Protein backbone atom coordinates (compact mmCIF):
# COMPACT_ATOMS: atom_id res chain seq x y z
CA MET A 1 -24.79 8.59 5.28
CA PHE A 2 -21.52 8.70 3.26
CA VAL A 3 -20.67 7.36 -0.15
CA ASN A 4 -17.19 7.20 -1.68
CA GLU A 5 -16.72 6.16 -5.43
CA TYR A 6 -13.49 5.88 -7.42
CA VAL A 7 -12.01 4.16 -10.32
CA MET A 8 -9.08 1.81 -9.23
CA THR A 9 -6.42 2.64 -11.53
CA ARG A 10 -2.70 1.41 -11.51
CA LYS A 11 -1.67 4.76 -10.00
CA ARG A 12 -4.16 4.84 -7.32
CA TYR A 13 -3.17 1.21 -6.42
CA ASP A 14 0.51 1.87 -6.23
CA LYS A 15 -0.32 4.91 -4.14
CA TRP A 16 -2.16 2.63 -1.57
CA ALA A 17 -0.37 -0.67 -1.94
CA ALA A 18 3.40 0.29 -2.46
CA PRO A 19 5.32 1.97 0.26
CA LYS A 20 7.93 4.68 -0.01
CA PHE A 21 10.88 2.48 -0.06
CA TRP A 22 13.21 4.90 1.72
CA ARG A 23 10.57 5.27 4.64
CA LEU A 24 10.96 1.38 5.36
CA PRO A 25 13.43 0.35 8.07
CA ILE A 26 14.75 -2.51 6.19
CA PHE A 27 15.90 -0.21 3.54
CA TYR A 28 18.90 0.95 5.33
CA VAL A 29 19.95 -2.63 5.69
CA TYR A 30 19.92 -2.98 2.11
CA CYS A 31 21.84 0.20 1.76
CA ILE A 32 24.55 -1.28 3.63
CA ILE A 33 24.46 -4.70 1.94
CA PHE A 34 24.67 -2.57 -1.50
CA ALA A 35 27.62 -0.46 -0.15
CA ALA A 36 29.44 -3.58 0.95
CA GLY A 37 28.75 -5.29 -2.15
CA THR A 38 29.79 -2.58 -4.26
CA PHE A 39 32.89 -1.93 -2.30
CA GLY A 40 33.87 -5.69 -2.52
CA TRP A 41 33.11 -5.79 -6.24
CA ILE A 42 35.42 -2.86 -6.76
CA TYR A 43 38.07 -3.90 -4.46
CA PHE A 44 38.22 -7.64 -5.73
CA HIS A 45 38.43 -6.24 -9.29
CA HIS A 46 41.25 -3.67 -8.25
CA VAL A 47 43.33 -6.48 -6.46
CA GLY A 48 42.87 -8.90 -9.25
CA ALA A 49 40.94 -11.49 -7.38
CA SER A 50 39.15 -14.27 -9.16
CA LEU A 51 35.85 -13.69 -10.96
CA ARG A 52 34.08 -15.63 -8.26
CA TRP A 53 34.92 -13.09 -5.65
CA GLN A 54 34.08 -10.14 -7.99
CA SER A 55 30.79 -11.84 -8.79
CA VAL A 56 29.96 -12.11 -5.06
CA GLY A 57 30.22 -8.32 -4.67
CA ALA A 58 28.07 -7.61 -7.82
CA THR A 59 25.53 -9.99 -6.80
CA LEU A 60 25.20 -8.76 -3.39
CA SER A 61 24.94 -5.25 -4.96
CA PHE A 62 22.21 -6.25 -7.39
CA ILE A 63 20.14 -8.05 -4.78
CA ALA A 64 20.27 -5.27 -2.43
CA LEU A 65 19.20 -2.83 -5.20
CA TYR A 66 16.43 -4.99 -6.17
CA ARG A 67 14.99 -6.00 -2.75
CA GLY A 68 15.62 -2.59 -1.34
CA VAL A 69 14.22 -0.33 -4.04
CA PHE A 70 12.25 -2.16 -6.85
CA PHE A 71 10.64 -5.23 -5.05
CA LYS A 72 7.64 -3.65 -3.18
CA TRP A 73 6.52 -1.59 -6.17
CA MET A 74 6.88 -4.69 -8.63
CA HIS A 75 4.95 -6.73 -6.40
CA ALA A 76 2.21 -4.21 -6.29
CA ASP A 77 2.36 -3.86 -10.13
CA LYS A 78 1.99 -7.41 -10.62
CA THR A 79 -0.78 -8.02 -8.12
CA PHE A 80 -2.68 -4.85 -9.87
CA ARG A 81 -2.14 -6.47 -13.39
CA VAL A 82 -3.30 -9.95 -12.22
CA THR A 83 -6.33 -8.78 -10.55
CA ARG A 84 -7.24 -6.68 -13.39
CA ALA A 85 -6.72 -9.44 -15.92
CA GLN A 86 -8.36 -12.28 -14.03
CA TYR A 87 -11.58 -10.32 -12.62
CA PHE A 88 -12.13 -7.30 -14.70
CA ASN A 89 -11.16 -8.30 -18.24
CA GLY A 90 -7.95 -6.30 -18.21
CA LYS A 91 -9.87 -2.95 -17.35
CA ASP A 92 -9.68 -0.75 -14.39
CA TRP A 93 -12.69 -1.30 -12.00
CA THR A 94 -15.00 1.03 -10.12
CA CYS A 95 -15.33 1.01 -6.37
CA LYS A 96 -18.16 2.28 -4.32
CA VAL A 97 -18.07 2.22 -0.61
CA MET A 98 -21.18 3.13 1.50
CA ILE A 99 -20.79 3.92 5.10
CA ARG A 100 -23.99 3.23 6.92
CA GLU A 101 -25.11 3.13 10.64
CA LYS A 102 -24.70 -0.61 10.96
CA ASP A 103 -22.08 -1.73 8.63
CA ILE A 104 -19.96 -0.72 5.54
CA ALA A 105 -21.13 -1.87 2.09
CA LEU A 106 -18.55 -2.36 -0.67
CA PHE A 107 -19.55 -2.45 -4.45
CA ILE A 108 -17.29 -3.36 -7.32
CA ASN A 109 -18.49 -2.42 -10.88
CA ASN A 110 -22.08 -1.85 -9.22
CA LYS A 111 -22.16 -5.35 -7.64
CA ILE A 112 -22.20 -5.88 -4.06
CA ASN A 113 -18.75 -7.26 -2.91
CA ASN A 114 -18.79 -7.36 0.79
CA HIS A 115 -20.11 -6.03 4.01
CA VAL A 116 -17.97 -5.06 6.73
CA ASN A 117 -19.29 -4.71 10.30
CA TRP A 118 -18.00 -1.96 12.62
CA GLU A 119 -17.00 -4.33 15.34
CA ASP A 120 -14.63 -6.01 12.70
CA LEU A 121 -12.53 -2.71 12.45
CA THR A 122 -9.81 -1.83 14.84
CA LYS A 123 -8.05 1.02 13.32
CA PHE A 124 -9.04 4.06 11.47
CA GLU A 125 -5.88 5.58 9.84
CA GLU A 126 -5.31 8.86 7.78
CA ALA A 127 -2.88 9.47 4.96
CA LYS A 128 -2.54 12.57 2.95
CA THR A 129 -5.16 11.57 0.21
CA TYR A 130 -7.00 8.67 1.70
CA TYR A 131 -8.48 7.06 4.88
CA LYS A 132 -8.06 3.23 5.64
CA LEU A 133 -10.22 1.41 7.98
CA THR A 134 -8.16 -1.76 9.14
CA SER A 135 -9.66 -5.08 10.10
CA LYS A 136 -8.73 -7.15 12.91
CA ASP A 137 -6.16 -9.33 10.86
CA GLN A 138 -4.23 -5.97 10.22
CA ILE A 139 -3.97 -7.00 6.47
CA GLU A 140 -7.22 -6.07 4.93
CA GLY A 141 -9.13 -2.79 5.12
CA VAL A 142 -11.47 -0.44 3.55
CA MET A 143 -9.87 2.32 1.68
CA LEU A 144 -11.67 5.70 1.03
CA ASP A 145 -10.16 8.53 -1.36
CA LYS A 146 -10.61 11.77 0.38
CA ASP A 147 -11.44 13.44 -2.90
CA SER A 148 -13.98 10.96 -4.04
CA PHE A 149 -16.96 11.33 -1.43
CA THR A 150 -20.18 11.75 -3.59
CA GLU A 151 -22.24 11.93 -0.35
CA GLY A 152 -20.85 13.80 2.41
CA ASP A 153 -17.05 15.25 2.55
CA SER A 154 -13.84 13.95 4.00
CA SER A 155 -13.73 16.16 6.91
CA SER A 156 -17.38 15.48 7.95
CA PHE A 157 -16.52 11.56 7.63
CA LYS A 158 -13.56 12.08 9.88
CA GLN A 159 -15.53 13.98 12.41
CA TRP A 160 -18.42 11.51 12.33
CA MET A 161 -16.03 8.50 12.55
CA LEU A 162 -14.29 10.20 15.78
CA GLU A 163 -17.68 10.94 17.40
CA GLN A 164 -19.65 7.55 16.45
CA HIS A 165 -16.84 5.02 16.71
CA PRO A 166 -14.51 5.97 19.52
CA GLU A 167 -13.74 2.30 20.08
CA ILE A 168 -11.78 2.44 16.56
CA LYS A 169 -8.29 3.60 17.15
CA TYR A 170 -7.61 6.84 15.20
CA GLY A 171 -4.03 7.81 13.93
CA PRO A 172 -1.87 8.79 11.26
CA ILE A 173 -0.97 5.85 8.68
CA ASP A 174 2.47 4.41 8.73
CA PRO A 175 4.84 6.93 7.16
CA ALA A 176 5.91 4.74 4.32
CA PHE A 177 2.17 4.57 2.99
CA ASP A 178 1.41 8.34 3.62
CA LYS A 179 1.10 9.38 0.09
């Protein structure tokens, strides 16, 4: 029916796994912490307070910067590098997704990896460049690159999904992941 094939590269993994940090609600909390820490750091330095108080402000600023901006991206980068090193001898891997009437078959490097039954899926999400079929646990899902259909195409797949599987809730993906 539909076949989607792509090579999992660092850039693609980052697009799918690391959110846009400025779109996450917690980012604004870290902005406030960063501003308070920077203000405290400058203020305590200006009034000649002890280094302990100056370091509290600096520490708050650095922690907020790390957690608010770099953490999600660095976590995705580490996950990708570890996966590639452990399972694929340090190389990018090919993914093939076969969408069939009864199930979805996942192949990695031309070897069967998994079968996903339609009743295990709860959401059909659409981003700018990919689709995500999310499982019941809301953590895992089947990813389909819109430009990588080798059988069928992106628009016909979307139409087919909406007609054949109305039980799977359709909608846009979280704005932080809409890349």
